[in-house]
N, C-alpha and C. Protein backbone atom coordinates (compact mmCIF):
# COMPACT_ATOMS: atom_id res chain seq x y z
N MET A 1 76.64 148.43 84.54
CA MET A 1 77.00 147.04 84.68
C MET A 1 75.73 146.20 84.63
N SER A 2 75.83 145.12 83.92
CA SER A 2 74.68 144.25 83.73
C SER A 2 74.42 143.40 84.97
N LEU A 3 73.17 143.13 85.21
CA LEU A 3 72.77 142.28 86.33
C LEU A 3 73.28 140.84 86.13
N GLU A 4 73.35 140.41 84.87
CA GLU A 4 73.85 139.06 84.57
C GLU A 4 75.29 138.89 85.04
N VAL A 5 76.11 139.90 84.86
CA VAL A 5 77.51 139.84 85.26
C VAL A 5 77.64 139.63 86.76
N LEU A 6 76.72 140.19 87.51
CA LEU A 6 76.75 140.04 88.96
C LEU A 6 76.19 138.70 89.42
N LEU A 7 75.18 138.20 88.73
CA LEU A 7 74.52 136.97 89.15
C LEU A 7 75.31 135.70 88.83
N ILE A 8 76.10 135.71 87.79
CA ILE A 8 76.86 134.50 87.42
C ILE A 8 77.81 134.08 88.53
N PRO A 9 78.67 134.95 89.07
CA PRO A 9 79.56 134.51 90.17
C PRO A 9 78.79 134.08 91.42
N VAL A 10 77.67 134.74 91.69
CA VAL A 10 76.86 134.37 92.86
C VAL A 10 76.28 132.98 92.66
N GLY A 11 75.82 132.68 91.46
CA GLY A 11 75.28 131.36 91.15
C GLY A 11 76.33 130.28 91.25
N ILE A 12 77.53 130.54 90.75
CA ILE A 12 78.63 129.57 90.82
C ILE A 12 78.98 129.29 92.28
N ALA A 13 79.05 130.32 93.09
CA ALA A 13 79.37 130.15 94.51
C ALA A 13 78.28 129.36 95.22
N ALA A 14 77.03 129.60 94.88
CA ALA A 14 75.92 128.87 95.51
C ALA A 14 75.96 127.39 95.16
N ILE A 15 76.23 127.09 93.91
CA ILE A 15 76.31 125.69 93.47
C ILE A 15 77.47 124.99 94.18
N ALA A 16 78.61 125.65 94.29
CA ALA A 16 79.75 125.06 94.99
C ALA A 16 79.42 124.81 96.46
N ALA A 17 78.71 125.71 97.09
CA ALA A 17 78.33 125.53 98.50
C ALA A 17 77.37 124.37 98.67
N ILE A 18 76.44 124.22 97.76
CA ILE A 18 75.49 123.10 97.83
C ILE A 18 76.21 121.77 97.65
N ARG A 19 77.13 121.71 96.69
CA ARG A 19 77.90 120.46 96.47
C ARG A 19 78.73 120.10 97.70
N GLU A 20 79.35 121.08 98.31
CA GLU A 20 80.17 120.83 99.50
C GLU A 20 79.30 120.32 100.64
N ALA A 21 78.14 120.90 100.82
CA ALA A 21 77.23 120.47 101.89
C ALA A 21 76.78 119.04 101.66
N ARG A 22 76.47 118.68 100.43
CA ARG A 22 76.03 117.32 100.12
C ARG A 22 77.15 116.32 100.33
N SER A 23 78.38 116.67 99.93
CA SER A 23 79.49 115.73 100.09
C SER A 23 79.83 115.51 101.56
N THR A 24 79.66 116.51 102.40
CA THR A 24 79.89 116.36 103.82
C THR A 24 78.84 115.46 104.45
N ASP A 25 77.61 115.53 103.97
CA ASP A 25 76.53 114.69 104.49
C ASP A 25 76.81 113.21 104.24
N LEU A 26 77.57 112.89 103.21
CA LEU A 26 77.85 111.50 102.87
C LEU A 26 78.67 110.80 103.95
N CYS A 27 79.33 111.55 104.78
CA CYS A 27 80.21 110.94 105.78
C CYS A 27 79.90 111.52 107.16
N GLU A 28 78.67 111.38 107.59
CA GLU A 28 78.26 111.86 108.90
C GLU A 28 79.03 111.10 109.98
N LYS A 29 79.45 111.79 111.02
CA LYS A 29 80.23 111.25 112.14
C LYS A 29 81.65 110.84 111.75
N CYS A 30 82.10 111.22 110.57
CA CYS A 30 83.47 110.91 110.15
C CYS A 30 84.45 111.83 110.85
N LYS A 31 85.65 111.33 111.03
CA LYS A 31 86.73 112.12 111.63
C LYS A 31 87.81 112.33 110.59
N THR A 32 88.46 113.47 110.67
CA THR A 32 89.47 113.85 109.70
C THR A 32 90.75 113.03 109.89
N THR A 33 91.33 112.63 108.77
CA THR A 33 92.64 112.00 108.78
C THR A 33 93.63 112.97 108.14
N ARG A 34 94.90 112.59 108.12
CA ARG A 34 95.91 113.40 107.43
C ARG A 34 96.19 112.84 106.04
N ILE A 35 95.43 111.85 105.63
CA ILE A 35 95.70 111.14 104.40
C ILE A 35 95.06 111.87 103.22
N THR A 36 95.89 112.14 102.21
CA THR A 36 95.40 112.80 101.00
C THR A 36 95.45 111.87 99.79
N ASP A 37 96.22 110.80 99.87
CA ASP A 37 96.44 109.89 98.75
C ASP A 37 95.56 108.64 98.91
N GLN A 38 94.67 108.41 97.96
CA GLN A 38 93.74 107.28 98.07
C GLN A 38 94.48 105.94 98.01
N GLN A 39 95.53 105.84 97.20
CA GLN A 39 96.28 104.59 97.11
C GLN A 39 96.97 104.28 98.44
N LEU A 40 97.52 105.29 99.08
CA LEU A 40 98.14 105.11 100.40
C LEU A 40 97.10 104.67 101.42
N LEU A 41 95.93 105.27 101.39
CA LEU A 41 94.85 104.87 102.30
C LEU A 41 94.48 103.41 102.07
N HIS A 42 94.36 103.01 100.83
CA HIS A 42 94.01 101.62 100.49
C HIS A 42 95.07 100.65 101.04
N GLU A 43 96.35 100.95 100.81
CA GLU A 43 97.44 100.10 101.32
C GLU A 43 97.41 100.02 102.84
N ALA A 44 97.21 101.15 103.49
CA ALA A 44 97.20 101.17 104.95
C ALA A 44 96.02 100.39 105.51
N LEU A 45 94.87 100.49 104.87
CA LEU A 45 93.70 99.72 105.32
C LEU A 45 93.97 98.22 105.20
N LEU A 46 94.58 97.80 104.12
CA LEU A 46 94.93 96.38 103.97
C LEU A 46 95.92 95.96 105.07
N ALA A 47 96.85 96.84 105.40
CA ALA A 47 97.86 96.52 106.43
C ALA A 47 97.25 96.38 107.82
N VAL A 48 96.14 97.08 108.10
CA VAL A 48 95.50 96.95 109.41
C VAL A 48 94.45 95.85 109.43
N GLY A 49 94.34 95.12 108.33
CA GLY A 49 93.45 93.97 108.31
C GLY A 49 92.09 94.21 107.69
N ALA A 50 91.92 95.28 106.94
CA ALA A 50 90.64 95.54 106.28
C ALA A 50 90.45 94.55 105.13
N THR A 51 89.19 94.17 104.91
CA THR A 51 88.86 93.22 103.85
C THR A 51 87.66 93.73 103.05
N ASP A 52 87.41 93.09 101.94
CA ASP A 52 86.26 93.40 101.09
C ASP A 52 86.16 94.90 100.81
N LEU A 53 87.29 95.51 100.47
CA LEU A 53 87.30 96.95 100.23
C LEU A 53 86.68 97.27 98.88
N SER A 54 85.79 98.23 98.89
CA SER A 54 85.18 98.74 97.67
C SER A 54 85.76 100.13 97.43
N VAL A 55 86.47 100.29 96.32
CA VAL A 55 87.17 101.53 96.06
C VAL A 55 86.52 102.25 94.88
N ALA A 56 86.10 103.47 95.11
CA ALA A 56 85.59 104.35 94.05
C ALA A 56 86.34 105.67 94.20
N GLU A 57 86.30 106.50 93.19
CA GLU A 57 87.01 107.77 93.26
C GLU A 57 86.55 108.57 94.47
N GLY A 58 87.49 108.80 95.40
CA GLY A 58 87.18 109.60 96.58
C GLY A 58 86.43 108.89 97.68
N ARG A 59 86.27 107.56 97.59
CA ARG A 59 85.50 106.83 98.60
C ARG A 59 85.99 105.39 98.69
N ILE A 60 86.15 104.92 99.94
CA ILE A 60 86.51 103.53 100.20
C ILE A 60 85.62 103.02 101.32
N THR A 61 85.04 101.85 101.11
CA THR A 61 84.25 101.20 102.15
C THR A 61 84.72 99.76 102.27
N GLY A 62 84.44 99.15 103.40
CA GLY A 62 84.82 97.75 103.60
C GLY A 62 84.66 97.34 105.04
N TYR A 63 85.32 96.25 105.38
CA TYR A 63 85.27 95.71 106.74
C TYR A 63 86.66 95.75 107.34
N SER A 64 86.71 96.03 108.63
CA SER A 64 87.98 96.05 109.36
C SER A 64 87.79 95.28 110.66
N PRO A 65 88.86 95.04 111.39
CA PRO A 65 88.71 94.41 112.70
C PRO A 65 87.84 95.23 113.66
N TYR A 66 87.61 96.50 113.35
CA TYR A 66 86.81 97.38 114.19
C TYR A 66 85.34 97.40 113.78
N GLY A 67 85.03 96.88 112.60
CA GLY A 67 83.68 96.89 112.06
C GLY A 67 83.67 97.43 110.65
N ARG A 68 82.48 97.67 110.13
CA ARG A 68 82.34 98.21 108.77
C ARG A 68 82.86 99.65 108.76
N ILE A 69 83.65 99.99 107.74
CA ILE A 69 84.30 101.30 107.68
C ILE A 69 83.90 102.06 106.42
N THR A 70 83.95 103.38 106.53
CA THR A 70 83.69 104.26 105.40
C THR A 70 84.72 105.38 105.42
N PHE A 71 85.33 105.64 104.26
CA PHE A 71 86.23 106.78 104.09
C PHE A 71 85.75 107.57 102.90
N GLN A 72 85.72 108.89 103.05
CA GLN A 72 85.24 109.78 102.00
C GLN A 72 86.19 110.96 101.89
N ARG A 73 86.58 111.29 100.65
CA ARG A 73 87.41 112.47 100.45
C ARG A 73 86.51 113.70 100.53
N ILE A 74 86.87 114.61 101.41
CA ILE A 74 86.19 115.89 101.54
C ILE A 74 87.27 116.95 101.40
N GLY A 75 87.23 117.69 100.32
CA GLY A 75 88.29 118.65 100.05
C GLY A 75 89.56 117.90 99.67
N GLU A 76 90.63 118.15 100.39
CA GLU A 76 91.93 117.54 100.09
C GLU A 76 92.21 116.27 100.89
N VAL A 77 91.49 116.02 101.97
CA VAL A 77 91.81 114.88 102.85
C VAL A 77 90.65 113.90 102.93
N PHE A 78 90.97 112.72 103.44
CA PHE A 78 89.94 111.71 103.66
C PHE A 78 89.44 111.80 105.08
N LEU A 79 88.14 111.61 105.23
CA LEU A 79 87.51 111.49 106.53
C LEU A 79 87.07 110.04 106.65
N GLY A 80 87.12 109.50 107.87
CA GLY A 80 86.76 108.11 108.04
C GLY A 80 85.99 107.85 109.31
N ARG A 81 85.33 106.68 109.34
CA ARG A 81 84.58 106.28 110.52
C ARG A 81 84.40 104.78 110.49
N VAL A 82 84.08 104.25 111.68
CA VAL A 82 83.57 102.90 111.80
C VAL A 82 82.06 103.06 111.88
N ASN A 83 81.35 102.50 110.93
CA ASN A 83 79.90 102.69 110.86
C ASN A 83 79.21 102.15 112.10
N ASN A 84 78.22 102.88 112.57
CA ASN A 84 77.39 102.47 113.71
C ASN A 84 78.21 102.07 114.94
N ALA A 85 79.28 102.81 115.19
CA ALA A 85 80.14 102.51 116.34
C ALA A 85 80.34 103.79 117.15
N GLU A 86 80.82 103.62 118.35
CA GLU A 86 81.13 104.75 119.22
C GLU A 86 82.30 105.54 118.64
N ASP A 87 82.39 106.81 119.02
CA ASP A 87 83.50 107.65 118.57
C ASP A 87 84.85 107.07 118.99
N GLU A 88 84.90 106.42 120.15
CA GLU A 88 86.15 105.84 120.63
C GLU A 88 86.65 104.73 119.70
N THR A 89 85.72 103.94 119.16
CA THR A 89 86.09 102.88 118.22
C THR A 89 86.69 103.47 116.95
N THR A 90 86.05 104.53 116.45
CA THR A 90 86.58 105.22 115.27
C THR A 90 87.95 105.80 115.56
N SER A 91 88.12 106.41 116.73
CA SER A 91 89.42 106.98 117.10
C SER A 91 90.49 105.91 117.18
N ASN A 92 90.17 104.74 117.75
CA ASN A 92 91.14 103.64 117.83
C ASN A 92 91.52 103.14 116.44
N MET A 93 90.52 103.01 115.56
CA MET A 93 90.79 102.56 114.19
C MET A 93 91.68 103.56 113.47
N LEU A 94 91.39 104.85 113.62
CA LEU A 94 92.19 105.87 112.95
C LEU A 94 93.61 105.94 113.51
N ALA A 95 93.79 105.66 114.80
CA ALA A 95 95.13 105.63 115.39
C ALA A 95 95.93 104.47 114.79
N ALA A 96 95.30 103.30 114.66
CA ALA A 96 95.97 102.15 114.05
C ALA A 96 96.29 102.43 112.59
N LEU A 97 95.37 103.08 111.90
CA LEU A 97 95.58 103.43 110.50
C LEU A 97 96.74 104.41 110.36
N ASP A 98 96.82 105.38 111.25
CA ASP A 98 97.90 106.36 111.23
C ASP A 98 99.26 105.68 111.41
N MET A 99 99.32 104.72 112.31
CA MET A 99 100.56 103.96 112.52
C MET A 99 100.93 103.19 111.25
N SER A 100 99.95 102.60 110.61
CA SER A 100 100.17 101.85 109.38
C SER A 100 100.68 102.76 108.27
N VAL A 101 100.07 103.94 108.13
CA VAL A 101 100.49 104.90 107.13
C VAL A 101 101.94 105.31 107.37
N GLY A 102 102.29 105.56 108.62
CA GLY A 102 103.67 105.92 108.95
C GLY A 102 104.65 104.84 108.55
N GLY A 103 104.31 103.59 108.80
CA GLY A 103 105.19 102.48 108.43
C GLY A 103 105.36 102.36 106.92
N ILE A 104 104.27 102.53 106.19
CA ILE A 104 104.33 102.45 104.73
C ILE A 104 105.18 103.57 104.17
N LEU A 105 104.98 104.78 104.66
CA LEU A 105 105.77 105.92 104.19
C LEU A 105 107.25 105.75 104.54
N GLN A 106 107.53 105.18 105.70
CA GLN A 106 108.92 104.92 106.09
C GLN A 106 109.56 103.91 105.14
N GLN A 107 108.85 102.84 104.80
CA GLN A 107 109.36 101.84 103.87
C GLN A 107 109.62 102.46 102.49
N ARG A 108 108.70 103.29 102.03
CA ARG A 108 108.88 103.95 100.73
C ARG A 108 110.10 104.85 100.73
N THR A 109 110.30 105.58 101.82
CA THR A 109 111.44 106.48 101.92
C THR A 109 112.76 105.71 101.91
N VAL A 110 112.83 104.63 102.66
CA VAL A 110 114.05 103.82 102.70
C VAL A 110 114.34 103.23 101.32
N ALA A 111 113.31 102.74 100.63
CA ALA A 111 113.50 102.19 99.28
C ALA A 111 114.01 103.26 98.33
N SER A 112 113.46 104.47 98.44
CA SER A 112 113.90 105.58 97.61
C SER A 112 115.35 105.94 97.89
N LEU A 113 115.74 105.93 99.17
CA LEU A 113 117.12 106.24 99.53
C LEU A 113 118.09 105.18 99.04
N HIS A 114 117.67 103.91 99.03
CA HIS A 114 118.50 102.85 98.47
C HIS A 114 118.80 103.13 97.00
N LEU A 115 117.78 103.51 96.23
CA LEU A 115 117.97 103.80 94.81
C LEU A 115 118.86 105.02 94.62
N ARG A 116 118.62 106.05 95.41
CA ARG A 116 119.41 107.28 95.30
C ARG A 116 120.87 107.03 95.65
N ALA A 117 121.12 106.22 96.66
CA ALA A 117 122.51 105.90 97.05
C ALA A 117 123.20 105.15 95.92
N ALA A 118 122.51 104.22 95.28
CA ALA A 118 123.10 103.47 94.17
C ALA A 118 123.46 104.41 93.02
N GLU A 119 122.62 105.40 92.75
CA GLU A 119 122.90 106.38 91.70
C GLU A 119 124.16 107.18 92.01
N MET A 120 124.44 107.38 93.28
CA MET A 120 125.60 108.17 93.70
C MET A 120 126.83 107.29 93.92
N GLY A 121 126.74 106.00 93.60
CA GLY A 121 127.88 105.12 93.77
C GLY A 121 128.11 104.69 95.21
N MET A 122 127.06 104.68 95.99
CA MET A 122 127.18 104.30 97.39
C MET A 122 126.22 103.15 97.67
N VAL A 123 126.47 102.49 98.77
CA VAL A 123 125.58 101.44 99.23
C VAL A 123 124.95 101.93 100.52
N LEU A 124 123.65 101.81 100.59
CA LEU A 124 122.94 102.22 101.79
C LEU A 124 122.59 100.97 102.57
N VAL A 125 123.13 100.87 103.78
CA VAL A 125 122.84 99.75 104.64
C VAL A 125 121.82 100.23 105.65
N SER A 126 120.68 99.57 105.71
CA SER A 126 119.67 99.99 106.67
C SER A 126 119.40 98.87 107.65
N GLN A 127 119.13 99.25 108.86
CA GLN A 127 118.81 98.29 109.90
C GLN A 127 117.54 98.78 110.60
N THR A 128 116.61 97.87 110.79
CA THR A 128 115.37 98.22 111.47
C THR A 128 115.35 97.55 112.84
N ALA A 129 115.15 98.36 113.86
CA ALA A 129 115.09 97.83 115.22
C ALA A 129 113.68 97.31 115.49
N ALA A 130 113.53 96.60 116.60
CA ALA A 130 112.23 96.02 116.96
C ALA A 130 111.17 97.10 117.17
N ASN A 131 111.58 98.30 117.58
CA ASN A 131 110.62 99.37 117.82
C ASN A 131 110.26 100.13 116.54
N GLY A 132 110.79 99.68 115.39
CA GLY A 132 110.47 100.31 114.11
C GLY A 132 111.44 101.39 113.70
N GLU A 133 112.39 101.72 114.56
CA GLU A 133 113.38 102.74 114.24
C GLU A 133 114.30 102.24 113.14
N VAL A 134 114.61 103.12 112.18
CA VAL A 134 115.48 102.76 111.07
C VAL A 134 116.76 103.58 111.17
N GLN A 135 117.90 102.87 111.11
CA GLN A 135 119.19 103.55 111.09
C GLN A 135 119.77 103.33 109.71
N LEU A 136 120.22 104.42 109.09
CA LEU A 136 120.77 104.36 107.73
C LEU A 136 122.26 104.64 107.79
N VAL A 137 123.03 103.80 107.11
CA VAL A 137 124.47 103.97 107.04
C VAL A 137 124.85 103.90 105.58
N PHE A 138 125.60 104.90 105.09
CA PHE A 138 126.07 104.92 103.72
C PHE A 138 127.49 104.38 103.69
N GLU A 139 127.77 103.54 102.69
CA GLU A 139 129.13 103.04 102.48
C GLU A 139 129.51 103.25 101.03
N GLN A 140 130.79 103.50 100.79
CA GLN A 140 131.28 103.67 99.43
C GLN A 140 131.22 102.32 98.72
N ALA A 141 130.62 102.28 97.55
CA ALA A 141 130.52 101.03 96.78
C ALA A 141 131.91 100.65 96.29
N THR A 142 132.18 99.34 96.30
CA THR A 142 133.50 98.89 95.85
C THR A 142 133.42 98.23 94.51
């Protein structure tokens, strides 16, 4: 067996490890989110009051009510932080962001169910309570 055959996979693995280490350094003190979709992250940031957002592939920066923010995709998910702030501030911002993401996903799901009900010849009546709870009722279209 040739030495080249053995060194090529080792070299590929080393390069991948170096890239991963560098990408993690870009977001020091960042905390993991559950967000994998950059468009959803952008919408949620706008919903929590973020402004002057700069969006690049795998990275979003801007200003929020909590301070200057940075989000970086590492692997499959985004990590985020409030720059130059305490961990508690970042945690509070991420909690608000998580609530915003949940609301956006809920709205998308209800809209999708409205379309699906129409395709099935039904009408979907939805009611949203003050606490954000959604009750769905299907009625036969007349």
